[in-house]
Amino acid sequence: MLIGGQKKESNNLRLNRAKSVEIIFTGCKRKPTGSLPLQIAGIRRVTSIKMLGVTMSNHLSFGEHVRGVIGKCAQSLYVLKLLRHHGMNDDSLRHVYKAVVLSKLL
């Protein structure tokens, strides 16, 4: 088969099964009506996946992502507290807060 003047088989693209995962999205309130499809050999099945920096569960929930962002911000706030304890002035703390915490939230 020719695609773009080249044979499809000659593009040298292969699926890296070690880096691939499978997620099956289901409704959170509805019971599955049928059985799940068979698992693909060499590809593990997961209940949550990180796509483009956003964690999403198999129920299309972003709760895990929100908990992760809040946890990272809490760690950053603790570091800001330590910096204040070590004598950093308020203007510098505000700049660090805007650069670190607000950038994570936005």
N, C-alpha and C. Protein backbone atom coordinates (compact mmCIF):
# COMPACT_ATOMS: atom_id res chain seq x y z
N MET A 1 0.84 -1.16 0.00
CA MET A 1 0.00 0.00 0.00
C MET A 1 0.90 1.25 0.00
N LEU A 2 0.60 2.19 -0.87
CA LEU A 2 1.39 3.42 -0.96
C LEU A 2 0.68 4.55 -0.24
N ILE A 3 1.41 5.21 0.66
CA ILE A 3 0.89 6.39 1.34
C ILE A 3 1.96 7.47 1.22
N GLY A 4 1.63 8.58 0.60
CA GLY A 4 2.58 9.67 0.44
C GLY A 4 3.81 9.25 -0.37
N GLY A 5 3.66 8.34 -1.30
CA GLY A 5 4.77 7.92 -2.14
C GLY A 5 5.65 6.86 -1.49
N GLN A 6 5.32 6.40 -0.27
CA GLN A 6 6.11 5.37 0.39
C GLN A 6 5.21 4.21 0.78
N LYS A 7 5.81 3.06 0.89
CA LYS A 7 5.06 1.92 1.38
C LYS A 7 4.77 2.12 2.86
N LYS A 8 3.57 1.72 3.30
CA LYS A 8 3.18 1.87 4.69
C LYS A 8 4.12 1.08 5.60
N GLU A 9 4.57 -0.07 5.16
CA GLU A 9 5.44 -0.91 5.97
C GLU A 9 6.83 -0.31 6.12
N SER A 10 7.22 0.64 5.29
CA SER A 10 8.58 1.16 5.32
C SER A 10 8.76 2.36 6.24
N ASN A 11 7.72 2.77 6.97
CA ASN A 11 7.87 3.95 7.82
C ASN A 11 8.59 3.65 9.13
N ASN A 12 8.87 2.39 9.42
CA ASN A 12 9.67 1.98 10.57
C ASN A 12 9.06 2.41 11.90
N LEU A 13 7.73 2.49 11.97
CA LEU A 13 7.06 2.84 13.22
C LEU A 13 6.56 1.57 13.89
N ARG A 14 6.90 1.43 15.17
CA ARG A 14 6.44 0.28 15.94
C ARG A 14 5.92 0.76 17.28
N LEU A 15 4.91 0.12 17.80
CA LEU A 15 4.35 0.45 19.10
C LEU A 15 5.30 -0.06 20.18
N ASN A 16 5.70 0.83 21.08
CA ASN A 16 6.54 0.45 22.21
C ASN A 16 5.63 -0.06 23.31
N ARG A 17 5.48 -1.38 23.40
CA ARG A 17 4.55 -1.98 24.35
C ARG A 17 4.97 -1.75 25.79
N ALA A 18 6.25 -1.55 26.05
CA ALA A 18 6.72 -1.31 27.41
C ALA A 18 6.24 0.05 27.93
N LYS A 19 6.03 1.02 27.04
CA LYS A 19 5.59 2.35 27.44
C LYS A 19 4.09 2.57 27.20
N SER A 20 3.41 1.58 26.71
CA SER A 20 1.99 1.72 26.38
C SER A 20 1.12 1.16 27.50
N VAL A 21 0.00 1.82 27.74
CA VAL A 21 -0.99 1.35 28.70
C VAL A 21 -2.36 1.43 28.06
N GLU A 22 -3.29 0.70 28.64
CA GLU A 22 -4.67 0.69 28.16
C GLU A 22 -5.58 1.16 29.28
N ILE A 23 -6.51 2.03 28.97
CA ILE A 23 -7.51 2.47 29.94
C ILE A 23 -8.88 2.32 29.29
N ILE A 24 -9.82 1.79 30.06
CA ILE A 24 -11.18 1.62 29.57
C ILE A 24 -12.07 2.56 30.37
N PHE A 25 -12.68 3.52 29.70
CA PHE A 25 -13.52 4.50 30.37
C PHE A 25 -14.91 3.93 30.58
N THR A 26 -15.40 4.06 31.82
CA THR A 26 -16.72 3.57 32.17
C THR A 26 -17.45 4.65 32.94
N GLY A 27 -18.76 4.55 32.97
CA GLY A 27 -19.55 5.48 33.77
C GLY A 27 -19.41 5.14 35.24
N CYS A 28 -19.35 6.14 36.10
CA CYS A 28 -19.11 5.87 37.52
C CYS A 28 -20.38 5.40 38.23
N LYS A 29 -21.54 5.78 37.77
CA LYS A 29 -22.77 5.41 38.46
C LYS A 29 -23.46 4.20 37.84
N ARG A 30 -23.14 3.91 36.60
CA ARG A 30 -23.79 2.79 35.94
C ARG A 30 -22.94 1.53 36.07
N LYS A 31 -23.59 0.42 36.23
CA LYS A 31 -22.88 -0.85 36.23
C LYS A 31 -22.56 -1.22 34.79
N PRO A 32 -21.39 -1.84 34.56
CA PRO A 32 -21.06 -2.25 33.20
C PRO A 32 -22.10 -3.25 32.68
N THR A 33 -22.57 -3.02 31.47
CA THR A 33 -23.60 -3.88 30.90
C THR A 33 -23.03 -5.16 30.32
N GLY A 34 -21.80 -5.14 29.92
CA GLY A 34 -21.17 -6.32 29.34
C GLY A 34 -19.82 -6.57 29.99
N SER A 35 -19.14 -7.55 29.48
CA SER A 35 -17.82 -7.85 30.04
C SER A 35 -16.78 -6.97 29.35
N LEU A 36 -15.67 -6.77 30.04
CA LEU A 36 -14.58 -5.98 29.48
C LEU A 36 -13.89 -6.76 28.37
N PRO A 37 -13.35 -6.07 27.38
CA PRO A 37 -12.63 -6.79 26.33
C PRO A 37 -11.37 -7.45 26.89
N LEU A 38 -10.90 -8.43 26.19
CA LEU A 38 -9.68 -9.12 26.61
C LEU A 38 -8.51 -8.15 26.63
N GLN A 39 -7.62 -8.37 27.59
CA GLN A 39 -6.45 -7.51 27.71
C GLN A 39 -5.47 -7.83 26.59
N ILE A 40 -4.85 -6.80 26.04
CA ILE A 40 -3.88 -6.96 24.96
C ILE A 40 -2.57 -7.46 25.55
N ALA A 41 -1.98 -8.45 24.94
CA ALA A 41 -0.73 -9.03 25.45
C ALA A 41 0.38 -7.99 25.44
N GLY A 42 1.08 -7.88 26.57
CA GLY A 42 2.22 -6.98 26.66
C GLY A 42 1.86 -5.54 26.99
N ILE A 43 0.58 -5.22 27.12
CA ILE A 43 0.14 -3.87 27.46
C ILE A 43 -0.69 -3.96 28.73
N ARG A 44 -0.26 -3.22 29.76
CA ARG A 44 -0.97 -3.31 31.03
C ARG A 44 -2.19 -2.39 31.04
N ARG A 45 -3.19 -2.79 31.79
CA ARG A 45 -4.43 -2.04 31.91
C ARG A 45 -4.38 -1.21 33.19
N VAL A 46 -4.73 0.07 33.11
CA VAL A 46 -4.67 0.97 34.26
C VAL A 46 -6.03 1.61 34.51
N THR A 47 -6.18 2.18 35.71
CA THR A 47 -7.44 2.85 36.05
C THR A 47 -7.31 4.37 35.95
N SER A 48 -6.07 4.88 35.88
CA SER A 48 -5.88 6.32 35.66
C SER A 48 -4.66 6.50 34.77
N ILE A 49 -4.67 7.62 34.05
CA ILE A 49 -3.61 7.87 33.07
C ILE A 49 -3.32 9.37 33.05
N LYS A 50 -2.06 9.71 32.81
CA LYS A 50 -1.68 11.12 32.72
C LYS A 50 -1.50 11.44 31.24
N MET A 51 -2.37 12.34 30.75
CA MET A 51 -2.33 12.76 29.35
C MET A 51 -2.13 14.27 29.30
N LEU A 52 -1.10 14.70 28.61
CA LEU A 52 -0.79 16.13 28.46
C LEU A 52 -0.72 16.83 29.82
N GLY A 53 -0.18 16.14 30.83
CA GLY A 53 0.01 16.72 32.14
C GLY A 53 -1.20 16.69 33.04
N VAL A 54 -2.30 16.09 32.60
CA VAL A 54 -3.53 16.03 33.40
C VAL A 54 -3.85 14.57 33.68
N THR A 55 -4.03 14.24 34.97
CA THR A 55 -4.37 12.87 35.37
C THR A 55 -5.88 12.69 35.29
N MET A 56 -6.30 11.62 34.61
CA MET A 56 -7.72 11.34 34.41
C MET A 56 -7.98 9.88 34.79
N SER A 57 -9.08 9.64 35.51
CA SER A 57 -9.40 8.27 35.90
C SER A 57 -10.29 7.62 34.84
N ASN A 58 -10.52 6.33 35.02
CA ASN A 58 -11.36 5.61 34.06
C ASN A 58 -12.83 5.99 34.17
N HIS A 59 -13.19 6.80 35.19
CA HIS A 59 -14.57 7.30 35.32
C HIS A 59 -14.66 8.75 34.85
N LEU A 60 -13.66 9.21 34.10
CA LEU A 60 -13.58 10.58 33.60
C LEU A 60 -13.58 11.59 34.75
N SER A 61 -12.90 11.23 35.84
CA SER A 61 -12.79 12.09 37.01
C SER A 61 -11.40 12.68 37.07
N PHE A 62 -11.32 13.92 37.53
CA PHE A 62 -10.04 14.61 37.66
C PHE A 62 -9.65 14.79 39.12
N GLY A 63 -10.29 14.05 40.03
CA GLY A 63 -10.02 14.17 41.45
C GLY A 63 -8.57 13.86 41.81
N GLU A 64 -8.01 12.84 41.21
CA GLU A 64 -6.61 12.48 41.47
C GLU A 64 -5.68 13.60 41.03
N HIS A 65 -6.00 14.23 39.91
CA HIS A 65 -5.19 15.35 39.41
C HIS A 65 -5.25 16.53 40.39
N VAL A 66 -6.45 16.85 40.86
CA VAL A 66 -6.62 17.98 41.79
C VAL A 66 -5.87 17.69 43.08
N ARG A 67 -5.98 16.47 43.61
CA ARG A 67 -5.26 16.11 44.84
C ARG A 67 -3.76 16.24 44.65
N GLY A 68 -3.26 15.85 43.50
CA GLY A 68 -1.83 15.97 43.22
C GLY A 68 -1.36 17.41 43.17
N VAL A 69 -2.13 18.27 42.50
CA VAL A 69 -1.76 19.69 42.40
C VAL A 69 -1.80 20.34 43.78
N ILE A 70 -2.83 20.04 44.57
CA ILE A 70 -2.92 20.61 45.91
C ILE A 70 -1.77 20.12 46.78
N GLY A 71 -1.39 18.86 46.65
CA GLY A 71 -0.26 18.34 47.42
C GLY A 71 1.04 19.03 47.06
N LYS A 72 1.27 19.26 45.77
CA LYS A 72 2.49 19.97 45.34
C LYS A 72 2.50 21.40 45.85
N CYS A 73 1.35 22.05 45.84
CA CYS A 73 1.26 23.43 46.34
C CYS A 73 1.50 23.47 47.84
N ALA A 74 0.98 22.49 48.58
CA ALA A 74 1.21 22.43 50.03
C ALA A 74 2.69 22.28 50.33
N GLN A 75 3.40 21.46 49.54
CA GLN A 75 4.84 21.31 49.73
C GLN A 75 5.55 22.63 49.46
N SER A 76 5.14 23.33 48.44
CA SER A 76 5.76 24.62 48.12
C SER A 76 5.50 25.65 49.22
N LEU A 77 4.29 25.64 49.78
CA LEU A 77 3.99 26.56 50.86
C LEU A 77 4.84 26.27 52.09
N TYR A 78 5.10 25.01 52.35
CA TYR A 78 5.98 24.64 53.47
C TYR A 78 7.39 25.18 53.24
N VAL A 79 7.87 25.08 52.01
CA VAL A 79 9.19 25.62 51.68
C VAL A 79 9.20 27.14 51.86
N LEU A 80 8.13 27.81 51.46
CA LEU A 80 8.04 29.26 51.67
C LEU A 80 8.08 29.61 53.16
N LYS A 81 7.43 28.79 53.97
CA LYS A 81 7.46 28.99 55.42
C LYS A 81 8.89 28.86 55.95
N LEU A 82 9.63 27.87 55.44
CA LEU A 82 11.02 27.71 55.85
C LEU A 82 11.87 28.89 55.40
N LEU A 83 11.63 29.37 54.19
CA LEU A 83 12.39 30.52 53.70
C LEU A 83 12.12 31.76 54.55
N ARG A 84 10.87 31.96 54.95
CA ARG A 84 10.55 33.10 55.82
C ARG A 84 11.26 32.94 57.17
N HIS A 85 11.26 31.71 57.69
CA HIS A 85 11.93 31.44 58.97
C HIS A 85 13.43 31.73 58.89
N HIS A 86 14.01 31.52 57.71
CA HIS A 86 15.44 31.75 57.51
C HIS A 86 15.75 33.20 57.12
N GLY A 87 14.73 34.07 57.09
CA GLY A 87 14.98 35.49 56.93
C GLY A 87 14.70 36.09 55.57
N MET A 88 14.04 35.38 54.66
CA MET A 88 13.73 35.98 53.36
C MET A 88 12.65 37.05 53.55
N ASN A 89 12.81 38.18 52.87
CA ASN A 89 11.84 39.28 53.03
C ASN A 89 10.54 38.99 52.28
N ASP A 90 9.50 39.76 52.63
CA ASP A 90 8.16 39.50 52.09
C ASP A 90 8.07 39.69 50.58
N ASP A 91 8.77 40.68 50.03
CA ASP A 91 8.72 40.89 48.57
C ASP A 91 9.29 39.69 47.83
N SER A 92 10.41 39.18 48.30
CA SER A 92 11.01 38.01 47.66
C SER A 92 10.11 36.79 47.80
N LEU A 93 9.50 36.63 48.98
CA LEU A 93 8.56 35.52 49.19
C LEU A 93 7.38 35.61 48.23
N ARG A 94 6.87 36.83 47.99
CA ARG A 94 5.77 37.02 47.05
C ARG A 94 6.16 36.61 45.64
N HIS A 95 7.38 36.96 45.23
CA HIS A 95 7.86 36.59 43.90
C HIS A 95 7.98 35.08 43.76
N VAL A 96 8.52 34.44 44.78
CA VAL A 96 8.65 32.98 44.76
C VAL A 96 7.27 32.34 44.73
N TYR A 97 6.33 32.86 45.54
CA TYR A 97 4.96 32.33 45.56
C TYR A 97 4.32 32.42 44.18
N LYS A 98 4.44 33.58 43.54
CA LYS A 98 3.85 33.75 42.21
C LYS A 98 4.49 32.81 41.19
N ALA A 99 5.81 32.65 41.29
CA ALA A 99 6.52 31.81 40.32
C ALA A 99 6.23 30.33 40.52
N VAL A 100 6.07 29.91 41.76
CA VAL A 100 5.95 28.48 42.03
C VAL A 100 4.49 28.05 42.24
N VAL A 101 3.84 28.60 43.23
CA VAL A 101 2.50 28.12 43.60
C VAL A 101 1.45 28.54 42.57
N LEU A 102 1.40 29.82 42.24
CA LEU A 102 0.38 30.28 41.28
C LEU A 102 0.55 29.63 39.91
N SER A 103 1.80 29.40 39.49
CA SER A 103 2.00 28.77 38.19
C SER A 103 1.48 27.34 38.19
N LYS A 104 1.56 26.64 39.32
CA LYS A 104 1.01 25.27 39.42
C LYS A 104 -0.51 25.30 39.38
N LEU A 105 -1.10 26.28 40.05
CA LEU A 105 -2.57 26.35 40.09
C LEU A 105 -3.17 26.79 38.78
N LEU A 106 -2.47 27.67 38.07
CA LEU A 106 -3.01 28.18 36.81
C LEU A 106 -2.62 27.27 35.67
